[in-house]
Amino acid sequence: MVLGIISIVLVFIPIIGMIAWILAPLGLILGFVAVGKPYGRGAAIAGLICSGIGLLVCIGWFFFFAAIAASGAAAGA
């Protein structure tokens, strides 16, 4: 859960947000491992949700900046 929360916070900081690309998938993997454990299932599900949100925001930023770059390249050509 901690990795998911940190990835959500870091994804909105311009250069440091690249760290979220590492933390969010790592949090998802560890969350799936923790769901299989007999204890702490709620925290594991919360971690999966936070990491998933962090990863979705990372992907959204990627497509946002890709669209800006593509429109800039098209306008400059």
PDB file of N, CA and C in Angstrom:
ATOM      1  N   MET A   1       0.828  -1.178   0.000  1.00  0.00           N
ATOM      2  CA  MET A   1       0.000   0.000   0.000  1.00  0.00           C
ATOM      3  C   MET A   1       0.879   1.251   0.000  1.00  0.00           C
ATOM      4  N   VAL A   2       1.989   1.187   0.677  1.00  0.00           N
ATOM      5  CA  VAL A   2       2.881   2.343   0.767  1.00  0.00           C
ATOM      6  C   VAL A   2       3.429   2.706  -0.612  1.00  0.00           C
ATOM      7  N   LEU A   3       3.807   1.726  -1.396  1.00  0.00           N
ATOM      8  CA  LEU A   3       4.324   2.013  -2.735  1.00  0.00           C
ATOM      9  C   LEU A   3       3.261   2.663  -3.612  1.00  0.00           C
ATOM     10  N   GLY A   4       2.022   2.238  -3.474  1.00  0.00           N
ATOM     11  CA  GLY A   4       0.940   2.836  -4.245  1.00  0.00           C
ATOM     12  C   GLY A   4       0.701   4.279  -3.863  1.00  0.00           C
ATOM     13  N   ILE A   5       0.709   4.567  -2.569  1.00  0.00           N
ATOM     14  CA  ILE A   5       0.499   5.940  -2.110  1.00  0.00           C
ATOM     15  C   ILE A   5       1.653   6.830  -2.565  1.00  0.00           C
ATOM     16  N   ILE A   6       2.869   6.341  -2.441  1.00  0.00           N
ATOM     17  CA  ILE A   6       4.033   7.131  -2.871  1.00  0.00           C
ATOM     18  C   ILE A   6       3.998   7.365  -4.383  1.00  0.00           C
ATOM     19  N   SER A   7       3.584   6.365  -5.145  1.00  0.00           N
ATOM     20  CA  SER A   7       3.530   6.545  -6.600  1.00  0.00           C
ATOM     21  C   SER A   7       2.476   7.576  -6.988  1.00  0.00           C
ATOM     22  N   ILE A   8       1.348   7.609  -6.269  1.00  0.00           N
ATOM     23  CA  ILE A   8       0.325   8.614  -6.569  1.00  0.00           C
ATOM     24  C   ILE A   8       0.850  10.016  -6.269  1.00  0.00           C
ATOM     25  N   VAL A   9       1.561  10.161  -5.177  1.00  0.00           N
ATOM     26  CA  VAL A   9       2.101  11.476  -4.813  1.00  0.00           C
ATOM     27  C   VAL A   9       3.186  11.905  -5.800  1.00  0.00           C
ATOM     28  N   LEU A  10       4.085  11.006  -6.138  1.00  0.00           N
ATOM     29  CA  LEU A  10       5.221  11.356  -6.990  1.00  0.00           C
ATOM     30  C   LEU A  10       4.842  11.579  -8.443  1.00  0.00           C
ATOM     31  N   VAL A  11       3.762  10.986  -8.895  1.00  0.00           N
ATOM     32  CA  VAL A  11       3.420  11.093 -10.314  1.00  0.00           C
ATOM     33  C   VAL A  11       3.073  12.532 -10.699  1.00  0.00           C
ATOM     34  N   PHE A  12       2.708  13.365  -9.743  1.00  0.00           N
ATOM     35  CA  PHE A  12       2.347  14.740 -10.052  1.00  0.00           C
ATOM     36  C   PHE A  12       3.506  15.722  -9.914  1.00  0.00           C
ATOM     37  N   ILE A  13       4.690  15.240  -9.541  1.00  0.00           N
ATOM     38  CA  ILE A  13       5.873  16.097  -9.455  1.00  0.00           C
ATOM     39  C   ILE A  13       6.643  15.934 -10.765  1.00  0.00           C
ATOM     40  N   PRO A  14       6.906  17.033 -11.484  1.00  0.00           N
ATOM     41  CA  PRO A  14       7.405  16.932 -12.853  1.00  0.00           C
ATOM     42  C   PRO A  14       8.542  15.944 -13.128  1.00  0.00           C
ATOM     43  N   ILE A  15       9.736  16.145 -12.680  1.00  0.00           N
ATOM     44  CA  ILE A  15      10.839  15.254 -13.047  1.00  0.00           C
ATOM     45  C   ILE A  15      10.884  14.027 -12.146  1.00  0.00           C
ATOM     46  N   ILE A  16      10.592  14.228 -10.888  1.00  0.00           N
ATOM     47  CA  ILE A  16      10.632  13.130  -9.920  1.00  0.00           C
ATOM     48  C   ILE A  16       9.538  12.112 -10.206  1.00  0.00           C
ATOM     49  N   GLY A  17       8.523  12.508 -10.941  1.00  0.00           N
ATOM     50  CA  GLY A  17       7.416  11.611 -11.269  1.00  0.00           C
ATOM     51  C   GLY A  17       7.815  10.376 -12.053  1.00  0.00           C
ATOM     52  N   MET A  18       8.998  10.399 -12.643  1.00  0.00           N
ATOM     53  CA  MET A  18       9.460   9.219 -13.375  1.00  0.00           C
ATOM     54  C   MET A  18       9.693   8.035 -12.447  1.00  0.00           C
ATOM     55  N   ILE A  19       9.911   8.308 -11.164  1.00  0.00           N
ATOM     56  CA  ILE A  19      10.090   7.236 -10.190  1.00  0.00           C
ATOM     57  C   ILE A  19       8.801   6.438 -10.040  1.00  0.00           C
ATOM     58  N   ALA A  20       7.664   7.081 -10.286  1.00  0.00           N
ATOM     59  CA  ALA A  20       6.371   6.399 -10.174  1.00  0.00           C
ATOM     60  C   ALA A  20       6.254   5.269 -11.188  1.00  0.00           C
ATOM     61  N   TRP A  21       6.970   5.362 -12.309  1.00  0.00           N
ATOM     62  CA  TRP A  21       6.960   4.281 -13.302  1.00  0.00           C
ATOM     63  C   TRP A  21       7.561   2.999 -12.735  1.00  0.00           C
ATOM     64  N   ILE A  22       8.392   3.123 -11.731  1.00  0.00           N
ATOM     65  CA  ILE A  22       8.995   1.955 -11.086  1.00  0.00           C
ATOM     66  C   ILE A  22       8.143   1.501  -9.911  1.00  0.00           C
ATOM     67  N   LEU A  23       7.674   2.452  -9.113  1.00  0.00           N
ATOM     68  CA  LEU A  23       6.967   2.118  -7.883  1.00  0.00           C
ATOM     69  C   LEU A  23       5.575   1.525  -8.123  1.00  0.00           C
ATOM     70  N   ALA A  24       4.839   2.050  -9.090  1.00  0.00           N
ATOM     71  CA  ALA A  24       3.469   1.580  -9.313  1.00  0.00           C
ATOM     72  C   ALA A  24       3.421   0.110  -9.748  1.00  0.00           C
ATOM     73  N   PRO A  25       4.188  -0.323 -10.751  1.00  0.00           N
ATOM     74  CA  PRO A  25       4.153  -1.751 -11.097  1.00  0.00           C
ATOM     75  C   PRO A  25       4.696  -2.644  -9.983  1.00  0.00           C
ATOM     76  N   LEU A  26       5.698  -2.156  -9.275  1.00  0.00           N
ATOM     77  CA  LEU A  26       6.234  -2.919  -8.156  1.00  0.00           C
ATOM     78  C   LEU A  26       5.175  -3.078  -7.060  1.00  0.00           C
ATOM     79  N   GLY A  27       4.427  -2.021  -6.799  1.00  0.00           N
ATOM     80  CA  GLY A  27       3.341  -2.085  -5.835  1.00  0.00           C
ATOM     81  C   GLY A  27       2.237  -3.037  -6.271  1.00  0.00           C
ATOM     82  N   LEU A  28       1.954  -3.070  -7.579  1.00  0.00           N
ATOM     83  CA  LEU A  28       0.952  -4.017  -8.090  1.00  0.00           C
ATOM     84  C   LEU A  28       1.401  -5.460  -7.890  1.00  0.00           C
ATOM     85  N   ILE A  29       2.644  -5.731  -8.194  1.00  0.00           N
ATOM     86  CA  ILE A  29       3.162  -7.090  -8.043  1.00  0.00           C
ATOM     87  C   ILE A  29       3.114  -7.523  -6.588  1.00  0.00           C
ATOM     88  N   LEU A  30       3.596  -6.658  -5.697  1.00  0.00           N
ATOM     89  CA  LEU A  30       3.593  -6.999  -4.277  1.00  0.00           C
ATOM     90  C   LEU A  30       2.171  -7.086  -3.721  1.00  0.00           C
ATOM     91  N   GLY A  31       1.260  -6.285  -4.263  1.00  0.00           N
ATOM     92  CA  GLY A  31      -0.135  -6.356  -3.843  1.00  0.00           C
ATOM     93  C   GLY A  31      -0.772  -7.676  -4.218  1.00  0.00           C
ATOM     94  N   PHE A  32      -0.491  -8.152  -5.427  1.00  0.00           N
ATOM     95  CA  PHE A  32      -1.037  -9.452  -5.837  1.00  0.00           C
ATOM     96  C   PHE A  32      -0.461 -10.586  -4.999  1.00  0.00           C
ATOM     97  N   VAL A  33       0.796 -10.472  -4.631  1.00  0.00           N
ATOM     98  CA  VAL A  33       1.406 -11.483  -3.765  1.00  0.00           C
ATOM     99  C   VAL A  33       0.749 -11.447  -2.384  1.00  0.00           C
ATOM    100  N   ALA A  34       0.488 -10.245  -1.868  1.00  0.00           N
ATOM    101  CA  ALA A  34      -0.071 -10.109  -0.526  1.00  0.00           C
ATOM    102  C   ALA A  34      -1.533 -10.529  -0.446  1.00  0.00           C
ATOM    103  N   VAL A  35      -2.257 -10.448  -1.557  1.00  0.00           N
ATOM    104  CA  VAL A  35      -3.662 -10.867  -1.536  1.00  0.00           C
ATOM    105  C   VAL A  35      -3.766 -12.360  -1.241  1.00  0.00           C
ATOM    106  N   GLY A  36      -2.789 -13.112  -1.642  1.00  0.00           N
ATOM    107  CA  GLY A  36      -2.798 -14.554  -1.404  1.00  0.00           C
ATOM    108  C   GLY A  36      -2.489 -14.944   0.033  1.00  0.00           C
ATOM    109  N   LYS A  37      -2.019 -14.007   0.829  1.00  0.00           N
ATOM    110  CA  LYS A  37      -1.691 -14.296   2.225  1.00  0.00           C
ATOM    111  C   LYS A  37      -2.977 -14.328   3.062  1.00  0.00           C
ATOM    112  N   PRO A  38      -2.978 -15.093   4.138  1.00  0.00           N
ATOM    113  CA  PRO A  38      -4.202 -15.184   4.956  1.00  0.00           C
ATOM    114  C   PRO A  38      -4.465 -13.964   5.829  1.00  0.00           C
ATOM    115  N   TYR A  39      -3.534 -13.044   5.936  1.00  0.00           N
ATOM    116  CA  TYR A  39      -3.699 -11.873   6.792  1.00  0.00           C
ATOM    117  C   TYR A  39      -3.395 -10.615   5.993  1.00  0.00           C
ATOM    118  N   GLY A  40      -3.966  -9.487   6.403  1.00  0.00           N
ATOM    119  CA  GLY A  40      -3.687  -8.222   5.732  1.00  0.00           C
ATOM    120  C   GLY A  40      -4.305  -8.093   4.367  1.00  0.00           C
ATOM    121  N   ARG A  41      -5.408  -8.782   4.126  1.00  0.00           N
ATOM    122  CA  ARG A  41      -6.027  -8.770   2.799  1.00  0.00           C
ATOM    123  C   ARG A  41      -6.561  -7.372   2.440  1.00  0.00           C
ATOM    124  N   GLY A  42      -7.109  -6.655   3.428  1.00  0.00           N
ATOM    125  CA  GLY A  42      -7.641  -5.318   3.154  1.00  0.00           C
ATOM    126  C   GLY A  42      -6.567  -4.342   2.742  1.00  0.00           C
ATOM    127  N   ALA A  43      -5.432  -4.390   3.426  1.00  0.00           N
ATOM    128  CA  ALA A  43      -4.319  -3.513   3.064  1.00  0.00           C
ATOM    129  C   ALA A  43      -3.770  -3.881   1.690  1.00  0.00           C
ATOM    130  N   ALA A  44      -3.775  -5.158   1.369  1.00  0.00           N
ATOM    131  CA  ALA A  44      -3.294  -5.587   0.053  1.00  0.00           C
ATOM    132  C   ALA A  44      -4.207  -5.073  -1.054  1.00  0.00           C
ATOM    133  N   ILE A  45      -5.504  -5.125  -0.831  1.00  0.00           N
ATOM    134  CA  ILE A  45      -6.448  -4.618  -1.833  1.00  0.00           C
ATOM    135  C   ILE A  45      -6.313  -3.106  -1.970  1.00  0.00           C
ATOM    136  N   ALA A  46      -6.144  -2.407  -0.844  1.00  0.00           N
ATOM    137  CA  ALA A  46      -5.922  -0.961  -0.900  1.00  0.00           C
ATOM    138  C   ALA A  46      -4.631  -0.639  -1.653  1.00  0.00           C
ATOM    139  N   GLY A  47      -3.597  -1.441  -1.461  1.00  0.00           N
ATOM    140  CA  GLY A  47      -2.347  -1.254  -2.183  1.00  0.00           C
ATOM    141  C   GLY A  47      -2.502  -1.483  -3.671  1.00  0.00           C
ATOM    142  N   LEU A  48      -3.286  -2.492  -4.035  1.00  0.00           N
ATOM    143  CA  LEU A  48      -3.552  -2.738  -5.453  1.00  0.00           C
ATOM    144  C   LEU A  48      -4.277  -1.560  -6.089  1.00  0.00           C
ATOM    145  N   ILE A  49      -5.250  -1.028  -5.374  1.00  0.00           N
ATOM    146  CA  ILE A  49      -6.017   0.096  -5.912  1.00  0.00           C
ATOM    147  C   ILE A  49      -5.127   1.330  -6.048  1.00  0.00           C
ATOM    148  N   CYS A  50      -4.349   1.640  -5.030  1.00  0.00           N
ATOM    149  CA  CYS A  50      -3.454   2.810  -5.086  1.00  0.00           C
ATOM    150  C   CYS A  50      -2.402   2.654  -6.178  1.00  0.00           C
ATOM    151  N   SER A  51      -1.828   1.489  -6.293  1.00  0.00           N
ATOM    152  CA  SER A  51      -0.817   1.261  -7.330  1.00  0.00           C
ATOM    153  C   SER A  51      -1.439   1.318  -8.719  1.00  0.00           C
ATOM    154  N   GLY A  52      -2.644   0.783  -8.851  1.00  0.00           N
ATOM    155  CA  GLY A  52      -3.342   0.849 -10.141  1.00  0.00           C
ATOM    156  C   GLY A  52      -3.638   2.277 -10.546  1.00  0.00           C
ATOM    157  N   ILE A  53      -4.080   3.085  -9.595  1.00  0.00           N
ATOM    158  CA  ILE A  53      -4.340   4.500  -9.886  1.00  0.00           C
ATOM    159  C   ILE A  53      -3.045   5.197 -10.280  1.00  0.00           C
ATOM    160  N   GLY A  54      -1.970   4.934  -9.541  1.00  0.00           N
ATOM    161  CA  GLY A  54      -0.685   5.540  -9.881  1.00  0.00           C
ATOM    162  C   GLY A  54      -0.218   5.163 -11.279  1.00  0.00           C
ATOM    163  N   LEU A  55      -0.389   3.899 -11.634  1.00  0.00           N
ATOM    164  CA  LEU A  55       0.021   3.452 -12.964  1.00  0.00           C
ATOM    165  C   LEU A  55      -0.860   4.060 -14.055  1.00  0.00           C
ATOM    166  N   LEU A  56      -2.153   4.162 -13.800  1.00  0.00           N
ATOM    167  CA  LEU A  56      -3.049   4.775 -14.784  1.00  0.00           C
ATOM    168  C   LEU A  56      -2.720   6.250 -15.001  1.00  0.00           C
ATOM    169  N   VAL A  57      -2.379   6.950 -13.935  1.00  0.00           N
ATOM    170  CA  VAL A  57      -2.001   8.362 -14.082  1.00  0.00           C
ATOM    171  C   VAL A  57      -0.682   8.475 -14.850  1.00  0.00           C
ATOM    172  N   CYS A  58       0.258   7.568 -14.587  1.00  0.00           N
ATOM    173  CA  CYS A  58       1.522   7.553 -15.353  1.00  0.00           C
ATOM    174  C   CYS A  58       1.254   7.359 -16.841  1.00  0.00           C
ATOM    175  N   ILE A  59       0.406   6.420 -17.157  1.00  0.00           N
ATOM    176  CA  ILE A  59       0.068   6.154 -18.560  1.00  0.00           C
ATOM    177  C   ILE A  59      -0.660   7.344 -19.172  1.00  0.00           C
ATOM    178  N   GLY A  60      -1.541   7.963 -18.393  1.00  0.00           N
ATOM    179  CA  GLY A  60      -2.241   9.157 -18.877  1.00  0.00           C
ATOM    180  C   GLY A  60      -1.294  10.301 -19.191  1.00  0.00           C
ATOM    181  N   TRP A  61      -0.318  10.527 -18.304  1.00  0.00           N
ATOM    182  CA  TRP A  61       0.684  11.563 -18.558  1.00  0.00           C
ATOM    183  C   TRP A  61       1.478  11.250 -19.817  1.00  0.00           C
ATOM    184  N   PHE A  62       1.818   9.972 -20.015  1.00  0.00           N
ATOM    185  CA  PHE A  62       2.582   9.583 -21.199  1.00  0.00           C
ATOM    186  C   PHE A  62       1.824   9.938 -22.474  1.00  0.00           C
ATOM    187  N   PHE A  63       0.539   9.555 -22.531  1.00  0.00           N
ATOM    188  CA  PHE A  63      -0.248   9.851 -23.730  1.00  0.00           C
ATOM    189  C   PHE A  63      -0.497  11.347 -23.886  1.00  0.00           C
ATOM    190  N   PHE A  64      -0.623  12.066 -22.783  1.00  0.00           N
ATOM    191  CA  PHE A  64      -0.811  13.515 -22.838  1.00  0.00           C
ATOM    192  C   PHE A  64       0.409  14.185 -23.474  1.00  0.00           C
ATOM    193  N   PHE A  65       1.599  13.840 -22.988  1.00  0.00           N
ATOM    194  CA  PHE A  65       2.805  14.449 -23.540  1.00  0.00           C
ATOM    195  C   PHE A  65       3.105  13.944 -24.950  1.00  0.00           C
ATOM    196  N   ALA A  66       2.730  12.719 -25.254  1.00  0.00           N
ATOM    197  CA  ALA A  66       2.903  12.221 -26.627  1.00  0.00           C
ATOM    198  C   ALA A  66       2.013  12.990 -27.591  1.00  0.00           C
ATOM    199  N   ALA A  67       0.793  13.295 -27.181  1.00  0.00           N
ATOM    200  CA  ALA A  67      -0.097  14.072 -28.037  1.00  0.00           C
ATOM    201  C   ALA A  67       0.410  15.489 -28.236  1.00  0.00           C
ATOM    202  N   ILE A  68       0.969  16.080 -27.179  1.00  0.00           N
ATOM    203  CA  ILE A  68       1.539  17.414 -27.313  1.00  0.00           C
ATOM    204  C   ILE A  68       2.735  17.402 -28.268  1.00  0.00           C
ATOM    205  N   ALA A  69       3.588  16.389 -28.136  1.00  0.00           N
ATOM    206  CA  ALA A  69       4.752  16.292 -29.016  1.00  0.00           C
ATOM    207  C   ALA A  69       4.329  16.062 -30.461  1.00  0.00           C
ATOM    208  N   ALA A  70       3.319  15.253 -30.666  1.00  0.00           N
ATOM    209  CA  ALA A  70       2.858  14.983 -32.021  1.00  0.00           C
ATOM    210  C   ALA A  70       2.233  16.226 -32.650  1.00  0.00           C
ATOM    211  N   SER A  71       1.470  16.973 -31.877  1.00  0.00           N
ATOM    212  CA  SER A  71       0.862  18.182 -32.435  1.00  0.00           C
ATOM    213  C   SER A  71       1.915  19.266 -32.692  1.00  0.00           C
ATOM    214  N   GLY A  72       2.948  19.292 -31.857  1.00  0.00           N
ATOM    215  CA  GLY A  72       4.035  20.244 -32.074  1.00  0.00           C
ATOM    216  C   GLY A  72       4.844  19.884 -33.301  1.00  0.00           C
ATOM    217  N   ALA A  73       5.069  18.605 -33.503  1.00  0.00           N
ATOM    218  CA  ALA A  73       5.822  18.162 -34.682  1.00  0.00           C
ATOM    219  C   ALA A  73       5.021  18.400 -35.949  1.00  0.00           C
ATOM    220  N   ALA A  74       3.710  18.206 -35.872  1.00  0.00           N
ATOM    221  CA  ALA A  74       2.869  18.424 -37.048  1.00  0.00           C
ATOM    222  C   ALA A  74       2.785  19.916 -37.384  1.00  0.00           C
ATOM    223  N   ALA A  75       2.756  20.762 -36.370  1.00  0.00           N
ATOM    224  CA  ALA A  75       2.659  22.195 -36.602  1.00  0.00           C
ATOM    225  C   ALA A  75       3.982  22.754 -37.131  1.00  0.00           C
ATOM    226  N   GLY A  76       5.083  22.147 -36.717  1.00  0.00           N
ATOM    227  CA  GLY A  76       6.400  22.641 -37.154  1.00  0.00           C
ATOM    228  C   GLY A  76       6.797  22.148 -38.530  1.00  0.00           C
ATOM    229  N   ALA A  77       6.116  21.144 -39.050  1.00  0.00           N
ATOM    230  CA  ALA A  77       6.514  20.569 -40.330  1.00  0.00           C
ATOM    231  C   ALA A  77       5.951  21.278 -41.497  1.00  0.00           C
TER     232      ALA A  77
END
